[in-house]
Structure formats: structure tokens, C-alpha cells
N, C-alpha and C. Protein backbone atom coordinates (compact mmCIF):
# COMPACT_ATOMS: atom_id res chain seq x y z
N MET A 1 -49.39 -16.82 50.11
CA MET A 1 -48.74 -18.08 48.97
C MET A 1 -47.31 -18.08 50.03
N SER A 2 -46.62 -19.00 49.53
CA SER A 2 -45.10 -19.32 50.36
C SER A 2 -44.55 -19.96 49.45
N LEU A 3 -42.74 -20.47 50.11
CA LEU A 3 -42.08 -20.05 49.56
C LEU A 3 -41.39 -21.62 50.54
N ASN A 4 -40.20 -22.42 49.67
CA ASN A 4 -39.56 -23.05 50.55
C ASN A 4 -38.41 -22.89 49.32
N LYS A 5 -37.57 -22.02 49.61
CA LYS A 5 -36.20 -22.32 48.89
C LYS A 5 -34.88 -22.80 49.57
N VAL A 6 -33.85 -23.17 48.64
CA VAL A 6 -32.59 -22.71 50.22
C VAL A 6 -31.32 -23.32 48.43
N GLN A 7 -31.14 -21.78 48.54
CA GLN A 7 -29.30 -22.35 48.06
C GLN A 7 -28.39 -22.35 48.71
N LEU A 8 -27.29 -23.28 48.20
CA LEU A 8 -26.36 -23.19 49.20
C LEU A 8 -25.20 -23.83 47.88
N ILE A 9 -23.87 -23.25 48.81
CA ILE A 9 -22.87 -23.58 48.77
C ILE A 9 -21.50 -24.07 49.93
N GLY A 10 -21.06 -25.39 48.90
CA GLY A 10 -20.19 -25.82 50.24
C GLY A 10 -19.56 -27.19 49.79
N ASN A 11 -18.64 -27.60 50.51
CA ASN A 11 -17.85 -29.05 50.08
C ASN A 11 -18.52 -29.95 50.91
N VAL A 12 -18.60 -30.73 49.97
CA VAL A 12 -19.28 -32.15 50.26
C VAL A 12 -18.10 -32.74 51.52
N GLY A 13 -19.03 -33.10 52.08
CA GLY A 13 -18.33 -34.76 52.98
C GLY A 13 -18.09 -35.46 53.55
N LYS A 14 -18.22 -36.17 52.65
CA LYS A 14 -18.23 -37.36 52.07
C LYS A 14 -18.40 -37.75 50.64
N ASP A 15 -18.48 -38.53 50.29
CA ASP A 15 -19.00 -39.76 48.51
C ASP A 15 -20.47 -39.65 48.56
N PRO A 16 -21.21 -39.60 47.34
CA PRO A 16 -22.69 -39.60 48.33
C PRO A 16 -22.46 -41.33 48.03
N GLU A 17 -23.88 -42.02 48.95
CA GLU A 17 -24.37 -42.77 49.17
C GLU A 17 -25.27 -42.74 47.75
N VAL A 18 -25.44 -44.34 47.39
CA VAL A 18 -26.34 -44.01 46.42
C VAL A 18 -26.95 -44.93 45.92
N ARG A 19 -29.07 -45.51 46.50
CA ARG A 19 -29.45 -47.05 46.36
C ARG A 19 -30.74 -46.43 45.53
N TYR A 20 -31.02 -47.76 44.71
CA TYR A 20 -31.71 -47.87 44.12
C TYR A 20 -32.93 -48.61 44.82
N LEU A 21 -34.49 -47.75 44.37
CA LEU A 21 -35.13 -48.02 44.70
C LEU A 21 -35.57 -49.43 43.88
N ASP A 22 -36.71 -49.99 44.45
CA ASP A 22 -36.98 -51.45 43.02
C ASP A 22 -37.61 -50.61 42.30
N SER A 23 -38.35 -49.95 41.93
CA SER A 23 -38.48 -49.26 40.81
C SER A 23 -37.58 -48.70 39.78
N GLY A 24 -36.31 -48.87 40.65
CA GLY A 24 -35.10 -47.94 39.89
C GLY A 24 -35.04 -47.03 39.62
N VAL A 25 -35.02 -46.52 40.04
CA VAL A 25 -35.47 -44.86 40.97
C VAL A 25 -33.94 -44.54 42.01
N ALA A 26 -32.70 -43.15 41.48
CA ALA A 26 -32.13 -43.02 42.05
C ALA A 26 -32.06 -42.83 43.54
N VAL A 27 -31.19 -42.59 44.33
CA VAL A 27 -31.40 -41.74 45.51
C VAL A 27 -29.80 -41.75 46.08
N ALA A 28 -29.31 -40.28 45.70
CA ALA A 28 -28.23 -40.03 46.40
C ALA A 28 -28.56 -39.46 47.72
N THR A 29 -27.28 -39.81 48.86
CA THR A 29 -27.36 -39.04 49.71
C THR A 29 -25.91 -38.53 50.66
N PHE A 30 -25.57 -37.39 51.04
CA PHE A 30 -24.57 -36.56 51.80
C PHE A 30 -24.13 -35.44 52.34
N PRO A 31 -23.56 -35.34 52.94
CA PRO A 31 -23.55 -34.06 53.24
C PRO A 31 -22.68 -33.06 52.68
N LEU A 32 -22.86 -31.74 53.38
CA LEU A 32 -22.36 -31.06 52.46
C LEU A 32 -22.43 -29.73 53.46
N ALA A 33 -21.40 -29.21 53.38
CA ALA A 33 -20.89 -28.06 54.43
C ALA A 33 -20.67 -26.74 53.97
N THR A 34 -21.08 -25.80 54.83
CA THR A 34 -21.96 -24.51 54.61
C THR A 34 -19.97 -23.66 56.01
N THR A 35 -19.46 -22.65 55.09
CA THR A 35 -18.86 -22.00 56.88
C THR A 35 -18.82 -20.40 56.93
N ASP A 36 -19.23 -20.16 57.42
CA ASP A 36 -19.49 -18.32 57.94
C ASP A 36 -18.18 -18.41 58.64
N ARG A 37 -16.92 -17.13 57.83
CA ARG A 37 -16.37 -16.64 58.00
C ARG A 37 -15.53 -15.94 59.05
N ALA A 38 -14.88 -16.60 60.39
CA ALA A 38 -14.64 -15.68 61.62
C ALA A 38 -14.71 -14.23 61.02
N TYR A 39 -15.03 -13.25 62.47
CA TYR A 39 -14.97 -12.12 61.91
C TYR A 39 -14.50 -10.89 63.84
N THR A 40 -13.84 -9.64 62.98
CA THR A 40 -13.92 -8.72 64.38
C THR A 40 -15.63 -7.69 64.85
N LEU A 41 -16.42 -7.85 65.69
CA LEU A 41 -16.33 -6.95 65.83
C LEU A 41 -16.17 -5.71 65.87
N ALA A 42 -16.73 -4.60 66.01
CA ALA A 42 -16.00 -3.07 66.36
C ALA A 42 -15.38 -2.84 67.79
N ASN A 43 -16.62 -3.73 68.59
CA ASN A 43 -15.43 -4.02 69.52
C ASN A 43 -14.16 -4.23 70.09
N GLY A 44 -14.07 -4.98 69.10
CA GLY A 44 -12.96 -6.42 69.21
C GLY A 44 -13.50 -7.44 69.58
N THR A 45 -14.80 -7.80 69.77
CA THR A 45 -14.92 -9.63 69.63
C THR A 45 -14.43 -10.44 68.86
N GLN A 46 -13.90 -11.80 69.37
CA GLN A 46 -13.79 -11.81 67.67
C GLN A 46 -15.14 -12.74 67.04
N VAL A 47 -15.33 -13.45 66.97
CA VAL A 47 -16.12 -13.73 66.43
C VAL A 47 -15.73 -15.43 65.75
N PRO A 48 -16.16 -16.47 66.69
CA PRO A 48 -15.03 -17.51 65.01
C PRO A 48 -15.83 -18.24 64.08
N GLU A 49 -14.67 -18.91 63.48
CA GLU A 49 -15.56 -19.28 62.43
C GLU A 49 -17.08 -20.36 62.65
N ARG A 50 -17.95 -20.35 61.39
CA ARG A 50 -18.87 -21.33 61.77
C ARG A 50 -19.79 -22.63 60.28
N THR A 51 -19.52 -23.81 60.60
CA THR A 51 -19.64 -24.38 59.95
C THR A 51 -20.97 -25.24 60.53
N GLU A 52 -21.52 -25.84 59.49
CA GLU A 52 -23.50 -25.80 59.14
C GLU A 52 -23.03 -27.18 58.33
N TRP A 53 -24.02 -28.38 58.56
CA TRP A 53 -23.33 -29.44 58.64
C TRP A 53 -25.08 -29.29 57.98
N HIS A 54 -25.55 -30.01 56.25
CA HIS A 54 -26.48 -30.20 55.39
C HIS A 54 -26.62 -30.89 55.02
N ASN A 55 -27.74 -32.48 55.34
CA ASN A 55 -28.31 -33.46 54.50
C ASN A 55 -29.01 -33.80 53.51
N ILE A 56 -27.83 -33.42 52.06
CA ILE A 56 -28.17 -33.53 51.01
C ILE A 56 -29.04 -34.81 50.55
N VAL A 57 -30.46 -34.73 50.13
CA VAL A 57 -30.64 -35.78 49.08
C VAL A 57 -30.99 -35.79 47.58
N LEU A 58 -30.72 -36.00 47.05
CA LEU A 58 -30.28 -36.18 45.21
C LEU A 58 -31.63 -37.42 45.04
N TRP A 59 -32.50 -36.83 43.76
CA TRP A 59 -33.06 -37.84 43.20
C TRP A 59 -32.86 -37.79 41.79
N ARG A 60 -33.31 -39.52 41.04
CA ARG A 60 -33.27 -40.13 39.78
C ARG A 60 -31.55 -39.57 38.72
N GLY A 61 -32.51 -38.50 37.86
CA GLY A 61 -30.69 -38.18 37.59
C GLY A 61 -30.34 -37.07 37.98
N LEU A 62 -30.32 -36.88 38.70
CA LEU A 62 -28.68 -35.63 39.78
C LEU A 62 -28.37 -36.71 40.28
N ALA A 63 -29.13 -37.33 41.23
CA ALA A 63 -28.92 -38.84 41.84
C ALA A 63 -27.45 -39.48 41.59
N GLU A 64 -27.76 -39.94 39.94
CA GLU A 64 -27.35 -40.40 39.03
C GLU A 64 -25.44 -39.76 38.69
N THR A 65 -25.88 -38.22 38.23
CA THR A 65 -24.84 -38.03 38.71
C THR A 65 -23.34 -37.31 39.00
N ALA A 66 -24.18 -37.33 40.85
CA ALA A 66 -24.09 -37.13 41.80
C ALA A 66 -23.12 -38.73 42.16
N GLU A 67 -23.58 -40.05 41.81
CA GLU A 67 -22.34 -40.70 41.89
C GLU A 67 -21.65 -40.81 41.06
N LYS A 68 -21.98 -40.26 39.55
CA LYS A 68 -20.76 -40.88 38.59
C LYS A 68 -19.50 -38.97 39.21
N TYR A 69 -19.93 -38.39 39.58
CA TYR A 69 -19.06 -37.13 39.22
C TYR A 69 -18.82 -36.65 40.64
N VAL A 70 -20.02 -36.71 41.77
CA VAL A 70 -19.65 -35.32 43.11
C VAL A 70 -18.73 -36.76 43.69
N HIS A 71 -17.50 -36.01 44.74
CA HIS A 71 -16.56 -36.19 45.46
C HIS A 71 -16.69 -36.27 46.95
N LYS A 72 -16.15 -36.15 47.65
CA LYS A 72 -15.87 -35.38 49.39
C LYS A 72 -14.25 -34.55 49.13
N GLY A 73 -14.87 -33.86 49.10
CA GLY A 73 -14.08 -32.25 49.03
C GLY A 73 -14.51 -31.10 48.33
N ASP A 74 -15.32 -32.19 46.92
CA ASP A 74 -15.56 -31.08 45.83
C ASP A 74 -16.62 -29.48 46.64
N LYS A 75 -16.80 -29.17 45.60
CA LYS A 75 -18.13 -27.72 46.09
C LYS A 75 -18.32 -27.59 45.62
N LEU A 76 -19.70 -28.03 45.33
CA LEU A 76 -21.29 -27.57 44.70
C LEU A 76 -21.98 -26.35 45.17
N TYR A 77 -23.05 -26.06 44.11
CA TYR A 77 -24.35 -25.29 43.94
C TYR A 77 -25.10 -26.33 43.86
N ILE A 78 -26.22 -26.27 45.77
CA ILE A 78 -27.56 -26.53 45.06
C ILE A 78 -28.72 -26.19 45.52
N GLU A 79 -29.39 -26.37 45.22
CA GLU A 79 -31.04 -25.27 45.02
C GLU A 79 -32.06 -26.67 45.04
N GLY A 80 -32.85 -26.37 46.04
CA GLY A 80 -34.22 -27.47 46.64
C GLY A 80 -34.41 -26.69 47.48
N LYS A 81 -35.56 -27.77 48.17
CA LYS A 81 -37.08 -27.44 49.17
C LYS A 81 -36.24 -27.92 50.84
N ILE A 82 -36.85 -27.38 51.49
CA ILE A 82 -35.86 -28.07 52.78
C ILE A 82 -37.39 -28.76 53.23
N ARG A 83 -36.60 -30.16 53.73
CA ARG A 83 -37.83 -30.99 54.15
C ARG A 83 -37.33 -31.23 56.03
N SER A 84 -38.25 -31.60 56.64
CA SER A 84 -38.10 -31.78 58.19
C SER A 84 -38.99 -33.76 58.14
N ARG A 85 -38.73 -34.53 59.13
CA ARG A 85 -39.20 -35.60 59.48
C ARG A 85 -38.67 -36.91 60.51
N SER A 86 -39.50 -37.37 61.04
CA SER A 86 -39.26 -38.19 62.26
C SER A 86 -39.05 -39.93 61.94
N TYR A 87 -38.61 -40.40 62.88
CA TYR A 87 -38.17 -41.51 63.03
C TYR A 87 -37.95 -42.00 64.81
N ASP A 88 -38.35 -43.44 64.78
CA ASP A 88 -38.01 -44.05 66.72
C ASP A 88 -36.76 -44.60 65.78
N ASP A 89 -36.08 -44.45 66.93
CA ASP A 89 -34.83 -44.84 66.28
C ASP A 89 -34.76 -46.67 67.28
N GLN A 90 -33.64 -47.42 66.60
CA GLN A 90 -33.54 -48.98 67.64
C GLN A 90 -34.51 -48.41 68.69
N ASN A 91 -33.88 -47.45 70.01
CA ASN A 91 -34.57 -47.93 71.44
C ASN A 91 -36.07 -46.97 71.83
N GLY A 92 -36.73 -47.34 70.67
CA GLY A 92 -37.73 -45.99 70.26
C GLY A 92 -37.62 -44.47 70.85
N VAL A 93 -36.78 -44.22 70.53
CA VAL A 93 -36.26 -42.51 70.49
C VAL A 93 -36.92 -42.01 69.06
N LYS A 94 -38.26 -41.28 69.46
CA LYS A 94 -38.59 -40.27 68.62
C LYS A 94 -36.69 -39.30 67.73
N ARG A 95 -36.28 -39.41 67.14
CA ARG A 95 -35.50 -38.77 65.59
C ARG A 95 -35.79 -37.27 65.25
N TYR A 96 -35.82 -36.38 64.42
CA TYR A 96 -35.33 -35.71 63.74
C TYR A 96 -34.29 -35.23 62.99
N VAL A 97 -34.89 -35.19 61.79
CA VAL A 97 -33.80 -34.99 60.37
C VAL A 97 -34.59 -33.84 59.79
N VAL A 98 -33.84 -32.98 59.79
CA VAL A 98 -33.75 -32.03 58.45
C VAL A 98 -33.51 -32.01 56.95
N GLU A 99 -33.42 -32.52 55.88
CA GLU A 99 -33.07 -33.02 54.67
C GLU A 99 -32.96 -31.64 53.62
N ILE A 100 -31.98 -31.68 52.65
CA ILE A 100 -32.52 -30.57 51.89
C ILE A 100 -32.79 -31.37 50.09
N PHE A 101 -34.41 -31.24 49.90
CA PHE A 101 -34.29 -32.05 48.43
C PHE A 101 -33.98 -31.35 47.34
N GLY A 102 -32.85 -31.64 46.55
CA GLY A 102 -32.18 -31.00 45.77
C GLY A 102 -33.31 -30.96 44.20
N ASP A 103 -33.24 -29.55 44.29
CA ASP A 103 -33.41 -29.92 42.49
C ASP A 103 -32.65 -29.20 41.34
N ASN A 104 -31.39 -28.34 42.17
CA ASN A 104 -30.30 -27.95 40.74
C ASN A 104 -29.58 -28.63 41.49
N MET A 105 -28.65 -28.71 40.62
CA MET A 105 -26.78 -29.28 41.98
C MET A 105 -25.77 -28.81 40.65
N GLU A 106 -24.89 -28.20 40.84
CA GLU A 106 -23.61 -27.40 39.77
C GLU A 106 -22.65 -27.61 40.89
N MET A 107 -21.72 -28.00 39.51
CA MET A 107 -20.49 -28.70 40.66
C MET A 107 -19.70 -27.61 39.95
N LEU A 108 -18.81 -27.04 41.57
CA LEU A 108 -18.28 -25.39 40.86
C LEU A 108 -17.15 -26.15 41.10
N THR A 109 -16.60 -26.91 41.54
CA THR A 109 -14.67 -27.66 41.62
C THR A 109 -14.50 -27.36 40.48
N PRO A 110 -13.56 -27.42 39.75
CA PRO A 110 -12.96 -27.73 38.46
C PRO A 110 -12.27 -28.83 38.16
N ARG A 111 -12.39 -29.16 37.51
CA ARG A 111 -12.13 -31.27 37.19
C ARG A 111 -10.46 -31.00 36.89
N ALA A 112 -9.82 -32.37 37.63
CA ALA A 112 -8.16 -32.20 37.63
C ALA A 112 -8.39 -32.10 36.35
N ALA A 113 -7.18 -32.14 35.49
CA ALA A 113 -6.58 -32.34 34.12
C ALA A 113 -6.80 -33.25 34.07
N GLN A 114 -6.36 -33.86 32.38
CA GLN A 114 -6.87 -34.83 32.02
C GLN A 114 -5.46 -35.69 31.89
N PRO A 115 -5.11 -36.98 32.59
CA PRO A 115 -3.67 -37.06 31.90
C PRO A 115 -2.74 -36.43 30.93
N ALA A 116 -1.38 -36.35 31.48
CA ALA A 116 -0.32 -35.40 30.52
C ALA A 116 -0.90 -36.42 28.95
N ALA A 117 -0.45 -35.54 27.31
CA ALA A 117 -0.65 -36.39 26.82
C ALA A 117 1.18 -36.49 26.49
N PRO A 118 1.03 -38.29 26.50
CA PRO A 118 2.52 -37.93 26.11
C PRO A 118 2.82 -37.08 25.13
N ALA A 119 4.58 -36.80 25.56
CA ALA A 119 4.86 -35.42 25.58
C ALA A 119 5.65 -35.76 23.76
N GLN A 120 5.45 -34.64 22.51
CA GLN A 120 5.36 -34.40 21.67
C GLN A 120 6.90 -34.13 20.73
N PRO A 121 8.03 -35.23 20.12
CA PRO A 121 9.29 -34.43 20.16
C PRO A 121 9.22 -33.47 19.89
N GLN A 122 10.01 -32.90 19.90
CA GLN A 122 10.50 -31.03 19.05
C GLN A 122 10.70 -30.67 18.00
N ALA A 123 10.24 -29.89 17.41
CA ALA A 123 10.20 -29.82 16.16
C ALA A 123 12.09 -29.77 15.98
N ALA A 124 12.78 -30.21 14.63
CA ALA A 124 14.10 -29.91 14.46
C ALA A 124 14.15 -28.51 12.93
N SER A 125 13.14 -28.40 12.53
CA SER A 125 13.35 -27.19 11.90
C SER A 125 12.92 -26.53 11.40
N PRO A 126 12.91 -25.36 10.95
CA PRO A 126 11.79 -24.52 11.42
C PRO A 126 10.60 -24.59 10.30
N ALA A 127 11.12 -25.54 9.14
CA ALA A 127 9.84 -25.95 8.90
C ALA A 127 9.13 -26.84 8.90
N ALA A 128 9.39 -27.89 9.93
CA ALA A 128 8.90 -28.41 10.85
C ALA A 128 8.19 -28.52 12.37
N ALA A 129 8.06 -26.62 12.36
CA ALA A 129 7.24 -26.05 13.63
C ALA A 129 6.10 -26.08 12.54
N GLN A 130 6.01 -25.27 11.72
CA GLN A 130 4.79 -24.93 11.05
C GLN A 130 3.96 -25.78 11.76
N PRO A 131 2.47 -24.60 12.11
CA PRO A 131 1.36 -25.62 12.64
C PRO A 131 0.54 -26.08 11.13
N GLU A 132 0.01 -27.17 11.51
CA GLU A 132 -1.18 -27.71 10.78
C GLU A 132 -1.29 -27.52 10.10
N ASN A 133 -2.33 -27.33 8.88
CA ASN A 133 -3.46 -26.66 8.35
C ASN A 133 -5.04 -26.61 8.96
N ASN A 134 -5.33 -26.14 9.43
CA ASN A 134 -6.96 -27.06 9.85
C ASN A 134 -8.04 -26.71 9.47
N PRO A 135 -9.08 -27.20 8.62
CA PRO A 135 -10.17 -27.33 8.03
C PRO A 135 -10.74 -25.90 7.69
N SER A 136 -11.27 -25.62 9.27
CA SER A 136 -11.54 -24.92 9.83
C SER A 136 -11.20 -23.34 9.61
N ASP A 137 -9.68 -23.42 9.60
CA ASP A 137 -9.18 -22.39 9.00
C ASP A 137 -9.61 -21.62 7.91
N ASP A 138 -10.33 -22.61 6.80
CA ASP A 138 -10.64 -22.25 5.77
C ASP A 138 -12.33 -21.61 5.58
N LEU A 139 -13.20 -21.29 6.56
CA LEU A 139 -14.28 -21.36 6.65
C LEU A 139 -14.06 -19.53 6.47
N PRO A 140 -14.92 -18.74 5.96
CA PRO A 140 -15.41 -17.66 5.27
C PRO A 140 -15.54 -16.25 7.23
N PHE A 141 -16.48 -16.88 7.72
CA PHE A 141 -16.37 -16.74 9.55
C PHE A 141 -15.92 -16.70 11.09
């Protein structure tokens, strides 16, 4: 039995780059930063904050969602698999890449409030301040 599962909560490092394959399948890639807090050991040694950068790859619907709604600085939960690959760069040097192929994504950053609605004029009389009758108020439950 084996298990390849990664769970990350972190901040997006830059807006997702989305490309579409010839078949129409969307692929989004972006860096995600996870940070371990600084702390002090019992003997007084201070351990500094440490940030890890993860290369996130999303496919199909998740990629399209990321294209529309994910931006630099957003906090995300990503669940997926760790994958590694290698390639030869322009100079013929073998490079290795570790990526997280996301299977699930949850956006943890609250969406900014919608633009404020135009101000409603203040009621001039107590009768005008009465709330409007809501049709759902008449329901028996």
C-alpha cells in the first residue's frame, strides 16, 4: 500500500498562469508559499521563520476557477499529489522540478466587499422607517 497526498495552506505568490492545450484542457500554474513561524527553543536558541515555495499545477475546472478567482496574496487550501519531473535546459543541464498536482482547492481569503450600494435617504417620519413586508414573513416555518 502507498499514499501520495499533500495538504497545504498558504499564500499565492503570483497570479496563476493559465494555458489551454490543443484539446481545450486548461492548466494553471502558480507558486504557493507556506511559512513556519519563528520560535525559541528551551535553551534560548531562536529559530527563524522559514518559508517554503511550492509549484502548484491545477487542471481543467480547477484551473479555470483559479484563472477567474485566484490572485497574488490570496490564502488557499490545496490538496493533491506530489510529482517530480526532470528536463534539460537550454544549456543541456538536467533540471529537476517538484510540483503539487492539485485535486482540491478551497479559497480561504474572504472576497472583498462588493462596491457599496448608493446611500438610501434617511426616513423623514417614523411611518416611513417601518421595514417593508417581506413575502417570506408569511410562511408558517
